[in-house]
């Protein structure tokens, strides 16, 4: 029995719809791009998820690219993203904060040392004044003993004991200030070493960030350009990636 023209036409339409569906699925698969971000904050793009390092596979995000015009825009955005990443990586930002804090600590250490120097100078003056008073008290005690006046002798001895105790206290304070100055100098040297280390880390992170950012930009440009939706452009792009 012959089929009606309506049934034949309906089957043709179904076949055409099925073919278009398969074509759209294949184009979608070709236009799928995978995106991942490393620990430095650099953005990477790839069409092959197998090239993503193992520690970042759980962070991979897939995205679709548009036509040739949109691809160019995505390429520009990828390039700008790579440049921003190379200039503002978290490591570089943290190194700058550390250096700034080290500089503040060094300034505070130097201010503390200047204060210690002033206090030690005052302590030395106080000790010299105590020595002068003690010599005067001893001379007064000798004169009182020669005169035989018991009241003067007792007064001279009392003044001598007080001045000796005062000198002992000033000496103790001077030694304490000397220890404090030594501690502040030790802190200053430690902070200076820490700042030198942070500056080395900053140079290292800058170099690493620039290299990684450039690589990320190149990868993003290649992968985005290769997903223009036409197989003629996609093939050369994949070849360049393998190179």
C-alpha atoms as a PDB file:
ATOM      1  CA  UNK A   1       0.000   0.000   0.000  1.00  0.00           C
ATOM      2  CA  UNK A   2       1.331   3.384  -0.983  1.00  0.00           C
ATOM      3  CA  UNK A   3       1.943   5.990   1.698  1.00  0.00           C
ATOM      4  CA  UNK A   4       0.236   9.346   1.371  1.00  0.00           C
ATOM      5  CA  UNK A   5       2.155  12.455   0.411  1.00  0.00           C
ATOM      6  CA  UNK A   6       1.394  13.950   3.846  1.00  0.00           C
ATOM      7  CA  UNK A   7       3.160  11.099   5.662  1.00  0.00           C
ATOM      8  CA  UNK A   8       6.161  11.259   3.321  1.00  0.00           C
ATOM      9  CA  UNK A   9       6.486  15.014   3.824  1.00  0.00           C
ATOM     10  CA  UNK A  10       6.204  14.622   7.579  1.00  0.00           C
ATOM     11  CA  UNK A  11       9.020  12.049   7.591  1.00  0.00           C
ATOM     12  CA  UNK A  12      11.243  14.369   5.541  1.00  0.00           C
ATOM     13  CA  UNK A  13      10.656  17.153   8.031  1.00  0.00           C
ATOM     14  CA  UNK A  14      11.541  14.849  10.938  1.00  0.00           C
ATOM     15  CA  UNK A  15      14.768  13.766   9.243  1.00  0.00           C
ATOM     16  CA  UNK A  16      15.724  17.402   8.565  1.00  0.00           C
ATOM     17  CA  UNK A  17      15.059  18.361  12.180  1.00  0.00           C
ATOM     18  CA  UNK A  18      17.159  15.418  13.415  1.00  0.00           C
ATOM     19  CA  UNK A  19      20.063  16.386  11.130  1.00  0.00           C
ATOM     20  CA  UNK A  20      19.946  19.985  12.311  1.00  0.00           C
ATOM     21  CA  UNK A  21      19.908  18.804  15.925  1.00  0.00           C
ATOM     22  CA  UNK A  22      23.018  16.672  15.418  1.00  0.00           C
ATOM     23  CA  UNK A  23      24.753  19.535  13.612  1.00  0.00           C
ATOM     24  CA  UNK A  24      24.018  21.971  16.452  1.00  0.00           C
ATOM     25  CA  UNK A  25      25.274  19.455  19.045  1.00  0.00           C
ATOM     26  CA  UNK A  26      28.532  18.963  17.111  1.00  0.00           C
ATOM     27  CA  UNK A  27      29.015  22.703  16.725  1.00  0.00           C
ATOM     28  CA  UNK A  28      28.347  23.178  20.445  1.00  0.00           C
ATOM     29  CA  UNK A  29      30.937  20.540  21.283  1.00  0.00           C
ATOM     30  CA  UNK A  30      33.458  22.245  19.012  1.00  0.00           C
ATOM     31  CA  UNK A  31      32.749  25.644  20.523  1.00  0.00           C
ATOM     32  CA  UNK A  32      33.110  24.525  24.158  1.00  0.00           C
ATOM     33  CA  UNK A  33      36.073  26.143  26.003  1.00  0.00           C
ATOM     34  CA  UNK A  34      37.320  25.185  29.441  1.00  0.00           C
ATOM     35  CA  UNK A  35      38.507  27.820  31.879  1.00  0.00           C
ATOM     36  CA  UNK A  36      40.572  27.422  35.091  1.00  0.00           C
ATOM     37  CA  UNK A  37      42.459  29.711  37.469  1.00  0.00           C
ATOM     38  CA  UNK A  38      45.781  28.831  39.146  1.00  0.00           C
ATOM     39  CA  UNK A  39      46.950  29.722  42.659  1.00  0.00           C
ATOM     40  CA  UNK A  40      48.450  33.007  41.367  1.00  0.00           C
ATOM     41  CA  UNK A  41      45.070  34.118  40.058  1.00  0.00           C
ATOM     42  CA  UNK A  42      46.061  33.693  36.388  1.00  0.00           C
ATOM     43  CA  UNK A  43      43.207  32.710  34.062  1.00  0.00           C
ATOM     44  CA  UNK A  44      43.830  29.893  31.543  1.00  0.00           C
ATOM     45  CA  UNK A  45      41.699  28.678  28.613  1.00  0.00           C
ATOM     46  CA  UNK A  46      41.844  25.373  26.761  1.00  0.00           C
ATOM     47  CA  UNK A  47      39.709  23.139  24.542  1.00  0.00           C
ATOM     48  CA  UNK A  48      41.240  19.937  25.903  1.00  0.00           C
ATOM     49  CA  UNK A  49      40.303  19.358  29.566  1.00  0.00           C
ATOM     50  CA  UNK A  50      43.021  16.709  29.750  1.00  0.00           C
ATOM     51  CA  UNK A  51      45.687  19.452  29.692  1.00  0.00           C
ATOM     52  CA  UNK A  52      44.398  20.966  32.960  1.00  0.00           C
ATOM     53  CA  UNK A  53      46.665  20.113  35.952  1.00  0.00           C
ATOM     54  CA  UNK A  54      45.166  17.629  38.387  1.00  0.00           C
ATOM     55  CA  UNK A  55      44.961  20.078  41.305  1.00  0.00           C
ATOM     56  CA  UNK A  56      42.736  22.423  39.242  1.00  0.00           C
ATOM     57  CA  UNK A  57      40.425  19.906  37.549  1.00  0.00           C
ATOM     58  CA  UNK A  58      37.764  20.342  40.201  1.00  0.00           C
ATOM     59  CA  UNK A  59      37.751  24.087  39.484  1.00  0.00           C
ATOM     60  CA  UNK A  60      37.399  23.890  35.683  1.00  0.00           C
ATOM     61  CA  UNK A  61      34.466  25.791  34.178  1.00  0.00           C
ATOM     62  CA  UNK A  62      33.200  25.307  30.635  1.00  0.00           C
ATOM     63  CA  UNK A  63      31.916  28.153  28.496  1.00  0.00           C
ATOM     64  CA  UNK A  64      30.716  28.659  24.925  1.00  0.00           C
ATOM     65  CA  UNK A  65      32.148  31.059  22.387  1.00  0.00           C
ATOM     66  CA  UNK A  66      30.088  33.005  19.858  1.00  0.00           C
ATOM     67  CA  UNK A  67      30.740  33.890  16.253  1.00  0.00           C
ATOM     68  CA  UNK A  68      33.929  35.393  14.806  1.00  0.00           C
ATOM     69  CA  UNK A  69      33.088  38.885  16.087  1.00  0.00           C
ATOM     70  CA  UNK A  70      32.369  37.644  19.589  1.00  0.00           C
ATOM     71  CA  UNK A  71      35.508  35.525  19.458  1.00  0.00           C
ATOM     72  CA  UNK A  72      37.588  38.606  18.799  1.00  0.00           C
ATOM     73  CA  UNK A  73      35.984  40.323  21.746  1.00  0.00           C
ATOM     74  CA  UNK A  74      36.660  37.303  23.962  1.00  0.00           C
ATOM     75  CA  UNK A  75      40.265  37.287  22.804  1.00  0.00           C
ATOM     76  CA  UNK A  76      40.619  40.933  23.769  1.00  0.00           C
ATOM     77  CA  UNK A  77      39.066  40.258  27.153  1.00  0.00           C
ATOM     78  CA  UNK A  78      41.375  37.282  27.689  1.00  0.00           C
ATOM     79  CA  UNK A  79      44.398  39.413  26.850  1.00  0.00           C
ATOM     80  CA  UNK A  80      43.301  42.141  29.222  1.00  0.00           C
ATOM     81  CA  UNK A  81      42.606  39.553  31.903  1.00  0.00           C
ATOM     82  CA  UNK A  82      46.094  38.105  31.488  1.00  0.00           C
ATOM     83  CA  UNK A  83      47.693  41.541  31.780  1.00  0.00           C
ATOM     84  CA  UNK A  84      45.676  42.385  34.878  1.00  0.00           C
ATOM     85  CA  UNK A  85      46.576  39.084  36.458  1.00  0.00           C
ATOM     86  CA  UNK A  86      50.295  39.557  35.802  1.00  0.00           C
ATOM     87  CA  UNK A  87      50.222  42.991  37.399  1.00  0.00           C
ATOM     88  CA  UNK A  88      47.951  42.279  40.363  1.00  0.00           C
ATOM     89  CA  UNK A  89      48.571  38.710  41.507  1.00  0.00           C
ATOM     90  CA  UNK A  90      47.727  37.979  45.152  1.00  0.00           C
ATOM     91  CA  UNK A  91      51.375  37.129  45.870  1.00  0.00           C
ATOM     92  CA  UNK A  92      52.638  40.516  44.646  1.00  0.00           C
ATOM     93  CA  UNK A  93      49.948  42.364  46.585  1.00  0.00           C
ATOM     94  CA  UNK A  94      50.798  40.504  49.794  1.00  0.00           C
ATOM     95  CA  UNK A  95      54.536  41.106  49.303  1.00  0.00           C
ATOM     96  CA  UNK A  96      53.910  44.832  48.986  1.00  0.00           C
ATOM     97  CA  UNK A  97      51.877  44.821  52.187  1.00  0.00           C
ATOM     98  CA  UNK A  98      54.651  42.926  53.967  1.00  0.00           C
ATOM     99  CA  UNK A  99      57.302  45.385  52.773  1.00  0.00           C
ATOM    100  CA  UNK A 100      55.162  48.328  53.873  1.00  0.00           C
ATOM    101  CA  UNK A 101      54.731  46.780  57.326  1.00  0.00           C
ATOM    102  CA  UNK A 102      58.459  46.000  57.546  1.00  0.00           C
ATOM    103  CA  UNK A 103      59.269  49.624  56.721  1.00  0.00           C
ATOM    104  CA  UNK A 104      56.947  50.822  59.494  1.00  0.00           C
ATOM    105  CA  UNK A 105      58.557  48.423  61.965  1.00  0.00           C
ATOM    106  CA  UNK A 106      62.039  49.598  60.989  1.00  0.00           C
ATOM    107  CA  UNK A 107      61.067  53.233  61.489  1.00  0.00           C
ATOM    108  CA  UNK A 108      59.626  52.380  64.907  1.00  0.00           C
ATOM    109  CA  UNK A 109      62.781  50.462  65.866  1.00  0.00           C
ATOM    110  CA  UNK A 110      64.979  53.424  64.921  1.00  0.00           C
ATOM    111  CA  UNK A 111      62.747  55.781  66.897  1.00  0.00           C
ATOM    112  CA  UNK A 112      63.035  53.458  69.902  1.00  0.00           C
ATOM    113  CA  UNK A 113      66.827  53.425  69.596  1.00  0.00           C
ATOM    114  CA  UNK A 114      66.939  57.216  69.529  1.00  0.00           C
ATOM    115  CA  UNK A 115      64.801  57.284  72.672  1.00  0.00           C
ATOM    116  CA  UNK A 116      67.102  54.731  74.312  1.00  0.00           C
ATOM    117  CA  UNK A 117      70.126  56.881  73.477  1.00  0.00           C
ATOM    118  CA  UNK A 118      68.539  59.907  75.115  1.00  0.00           C
ATOM    119  CA  UNK A 119      67.651  57.952  78.256  1.00  0.00           C
ATOM    120  CA  UNK A 120      71.129  56.456  78.480  1.00  0.00           C
ATOM    121  CA  UNK A 121      72.629  59.937  78.173  1.00  0.00           C
ATOM    122  CA  UNK A 122      70.447  61.134  81.047  1.00  0.00           C
ATOM    123  CA  UNK A 123      71.427  58.075  83.094  1.00  0.00           C
ATOM    124  CA  UNK A 124      75.132  58.795  82.598  1.00  0.00           C
ATOM    125  CA  UNK A 125      74.626  62.392  83.650  1.00  0.00           C
ATOM    126  CA  UNK A 126      72.763  61.216  86.754  1.00  0.00           C
ATOM    127  CA  UNK A 127      75.574  58.807  87.651  1.00  0.00           C
ATOM    128  CA  UNK A 128      78.203  61.521  87.233  1.00  0.00           C
ATOM    129  CA  UNK A 129      76.115  63.803  89.451  1.00  0.00           C
ATOM    130  CA  UNK A 130      75.856  61.026  92.062  1.00  0.00           C
ATOM    131  CA  UNK A 131      79.633  60.526  91.994  1.00  0.00           C
ATOM    132  CA  UNK A 132      80.115  64.232  92.573  1.00  0.00           C
ATOM    133  CA  UNK A 133      77.666  64.224  95.486  1.00  0.00           C
ATOM    134  CA  UNK A 134      79.327  61.183  97.035  1.00  0.00           C
ATOM    135  CA  UNK A 135      82.727  62.849  96.925  1.00  0.00           C
ATOM    136  CA  UNK A 136      81.236  65.927  98.565  1.00  0.00           C
ATOM    137  CA  UNK A 137      79.556  63.789 101.251  1.00  0.00           C
ATOM    138  CA  UNK A 138      82.799  62.013 102.059  1.00  0.00           C
ATOM    139  CA  UNK A 139      84.637  65.289 102.357  1.00  0.00           C
ATOM    140  CA  UNK A 140      81.887  66.611 104.636  1.00  0.00           C
ATOM    141  CA  UNK A 141      82.110  63.434 106.737  1.00  0.00           C
ATOM    142  CA  UNK A 142      85.867  63.866 107.149  1.00  0.00           C
ATOM    143  CA  UNK A 143      85.435  67.481 108.205  1.00  0.00           C
ATOM    144  CA  UNK A 144      82.708  66.518 110.712  1.00  0.00           C
ATOM    145  CA  UNK A 145      84.884  63.770 112.171  1.00  0.00           C
ATOM    146  CA  UNK A 146      87.744  66.231 112.582  1.00  0.00           C
ATOM    147  CA  UNK A 147      85.462  68.701 114.353  1.00  0.00           C
ATOM    148  CA  UNK A 148      84.092  65.984 116.619  1.00  0.00           C
ATOM    149  CA  UNK A 149      80.526  67.255 116.197  1.00  0.00           C
ATOM    150  CA  UNK A 150      78.358  64.140 116.434  1.00  0.00           C
ATOM    151  CA  UNK A 151      75.314  65.790 114.846  1.00  0.00           C
ATOM    152  CA  UNK A 152      77.340  66.839 111.787  1.00  0.00           C
ATOM    153  CA  UNK A 153      78.931  63.395 111.596  1.00  0.00           C
ATOM    154  CA  UNK A 154      75.537  61.691 111.636  1.00  0.00           C
ATOM    155  CA  UNK A 155      74.146  64.095 109.013  1.00  0.00           C
ATOM    156  CA  UNK A 156      77.161  63.557 106.753  1.00  0.00           C
ATOM    157  CA  UNK A 157      76.859  59.763 107.018  1.00  0.00           C
ATOM    158  CA  UNK A 158      73.141  59.915 106.248  1.00  0.00           C
ATOM    159  CA  UNK A 159      73.738  62.037 103.142  1.00  0.00           C
ATOM    160  CA  UNK A 160      76.490  59.697 102.014  1.00  0.00           C
ATOM    161  CA  UNK A 161      74.281  56.606 102.349  1.00  0.00           C
ATOM    162  CA  UNK A 162      71.453  58.315 100.452  1.00  0.00           C
ATOM    163  CA  UNK A 163      73.726  59.370  97.608  1.00  0.00           C
ATOM    164  CA  UNK A 164      75.232  55.885  97.368  1.00  0.00           C
ATOM    165  CA  UNK A 165      71.763  54.362  97.119  1.00  0.00           C
ATOM    166  CA  UNK A 166      70.826  56.972  94.506  1.00  0.00           C
ATOM    167  CA  UNK A 167      73.911  56.136  92.469  1.00  0.00           C
ATOM    168  CA  UNK A 168      73.140  52.425  92.691  1.00  0.00           C
ATOM    169  CA  UNK A 169      69.596  53.066  91.394  1.00  0.00           C
ATOM    170  CA  UNK A 170      70.857  55.228  88.543  1.00  0.00           C
ATOM    171  CA  UNK A 171      73.382  52.550  87.591  1.00  0.00           C
ATOM    172  CA  UNK A 172      70.624  49.930  87.559  1.00  0.00           C
ATOM    173  CA  UNK A 173      68.467  52.169  85.353  1.00  0.00           C
ATOM    174  CA  UNK A 174      71.371  52.760  82.984  1.00  0.00           C
ATOM    175  CA  UNK A 175      72.002  49.018  82.608  1.00  0.00           C
ATOM    176  CA  UNK A 176      68.284  48.505  81.942  1.00  0.00           C
ATOM    177  CA  UNK A 177      68.324  51.168  79.244  1.00  0.00           C
ATOM    178  CA  UNK A 178      71.410  49.562  77.705  1.00  0.00           C
ATOM    179  CA  UNK A 179      69.637  46.199  77.555  1.00  0.00           C
ATOM    180  CA  UNK A 180      66.593  47.862  75.994  1.00  0.00           C
ATOM    181  CA  UNK A 181      68.758  49.533  73.376  1.00  0.00           C
ATOM    182  CA  UNK A 182      70.408  46.214  72.558  1.00  0.00           C
ATOM    183  CA  UNK A 183      66.970  44.616  72.158  1.00  0.00           C
ATOM    184  CA  UNK A 184      65.779  47.426  69.880  1.00  0.00           C
ATOM    185  CA  UNK A 185      68.925  47.074  67.749  1.00  0.00           C
ATOM    186  CA  UNK A 186      68.314  43.328  67.476  1.00  0.00           C
ATOM    187  CA  UNK A 187      64.713  43.989  66.379  1.00  0.00           C
ATOM    188  CA  UNK A 188      65.941  46.514  63.841  1.00  0.00           C
ATOM    189  CA  UNK A 189      68.350  44.021  62.275  1.00  0.00           C
ATOM    190  CA  UNK A 190      65.632  41.348  62.188  1.00  0.00           C
ATOM    191  CA  UNK A 191      63.132  43.702  60.511  1.00  0.00           C
ATOM    192  CA  UNK A 192      65.736  44.769  57.959  1.00  0.00           C
ATOM    193  CA  UNK A 193      66.425  41.126  57.104  1.00  0.00           C
ATOM    194  CA  UNK A 194      62.694  40.491  56.843  1.00  0.00           C
ATOM    195  CA  UNK A 195      62.259  43.427  54.461  1.00  0.00           C
ATOM    196  CA  UNK A 196      65.119  42.218  52.254  1.00  0.00           C
ATOM    197  CA  UNK A 197      63.493  38.787  52.118  1.00  0.00           C
ATOM    198  CA  UNK A 198      60.093  40.274  51.247  1.00  0.00           C
ATOM    199  CA  UNK A 199      61.679  42.349  48.481  1.00  0.00           C
ATOM    200  CA  UNK A 200      63.251  39.209  47.020  1.00  0.00           C
ATOM    201  CA  UNK A 201      59.864  37.502  47.189  1.00  0.00           C
ATOM    202  CA  UNK A 202      58.276  40.498  45.445  1.00  0.00           C
ATOM    203  CA  UNK A 203      60.770  40.335  42.563  1.00  0.00           C
ATOM    204  CA  UNK A 204      60.234  36.585  42.299  1.00  0.00           C
ATOM    205  CA  UNK A 205      56.433  36.895  42.299  1.00  0.00           C
ATOM    206  CA  UNK A 206      56.570  39.693  39.735  1.00  0.00           C
ATOM    207  CA  UNK A 207      58.673  37.561  37.398  1.00  0.00           C
ATOM    208  CA  UNK A 208      56.468  34.515  37.930  1.00  0.00           C
ATOM    209  CA  UNK A 209      53.272  36.537  37.524  1.00  0.00           C
ATOM    210  CA  UNK A 210      54.470  38.153  34.265  1.00  0.00           C
ATOM    211  CA  UNK A 211      55.551  34.835  32.760  1.00  0.00           C
ATOM    212  CA  UNK A 212      52.384  33.022  33.799  1.00  0.00           C
ATOM    213  CA  UNK A 213      50.160  35.911  32.719  1.00  0.00           C
ATOM    214  CA  UNK A 214      51.776  35.973  29.250  1.00  0.00           C
ATOM    215  CA  UNK A 215      51.343  32.233  28.861  1.00  0.00           C
ATOM    216  CA  UNK A 216      47.727  32.469  30.009  1.00  0.00           C
ATOM    217  CA  UNK A 217      47.017  35.238  27.501  1.00  0.00           C
ATOM    218  CA  UNK A 218      48.491  33.246  24.615  1.00  0.00           C
ATOM    219  CA  UNK A 219      46.526  30.155  25.572  1.00  0.00           C
ATOM    220  CA  UNK A 220      43.297  32.134  25.901  1.00  0.00           C
ATOM    221  CA  UNK A 221      43.783  33.778  22.501  1.00  0.00           C
ATOM    222  CA  UNK A 222      44.476  30.496  20.749  1.00  0.00           C
ATOM    223  CA  UNK A 223      41.602  28.586  22.296  1.00  0.00           C
ATOM    224  CA  UNK A 224      39.084  31.382  21.811  1.00  0.00           C
ATOM    225  CA  UNK A 225      40.072  32.007  18.189  1.00  0.00           C
ATOM    226  CA  UNK A 226      39.903  28.323  17.408  1.00  0.00           C
ATOM    227  CA  UNK A 227      36.244  28.133  18.437  1.00  0.00           C
ATOM    228  CA  UNK A 228      34.725  30.414  15.827  1.00  0.00           C
ATOM    229  CA  UNK A 229      32.123  27.824  14.858  1.00  0.00           C
ATOM    230  CA  UNK A 230      33.683  27.047  11.425  1.00  0.00           C
ATOM    231  CA  UNK A 231      35.825  23.949  10.993  1.00  0.00           C
ATOM    232  CA  UNK A 232      38.125  25.711   8.545  1.00  0.00           C
ATOM    233  CA  UNK A 233      39.382  28.092  11.236  1.00  0.00           C
ATOM    234  CA  UNK A 234      39.304  25.546  14.027  1.00  0.00           C
ATOM    235  CA  UNK A 235      41.843  23.180  12.440  1.00  0.00           C
ATOM    236  CA  UNK A 236      44.811  25.640  12.172  1.00  0.00           C
ATOM    237  CA  UNK A 237      44.157  26.820  15.730  1.00  0.00           C
ATOM    238  CA  UNK A 238      44.388  23.275  17.105  1.00  0.00           C
ATOM    239  CA  UNK A 239      47.574  22.691  15.140  1.00  0.00           C
ATOM    240  CA  UNK A 240      49.187  25.787  16.658  1.00  0.00           C
ATOM    241  CA  UNK A 241      48.205  24.612  20.152  1.00  0.00           C
ATOM    242  CA  UNK A 242      49.960  21.266  19.593  1.00  0.00           C
ATOM    243  CA  UNK A 243      53.068  23.127  18.447  1.00  0.00           C
END
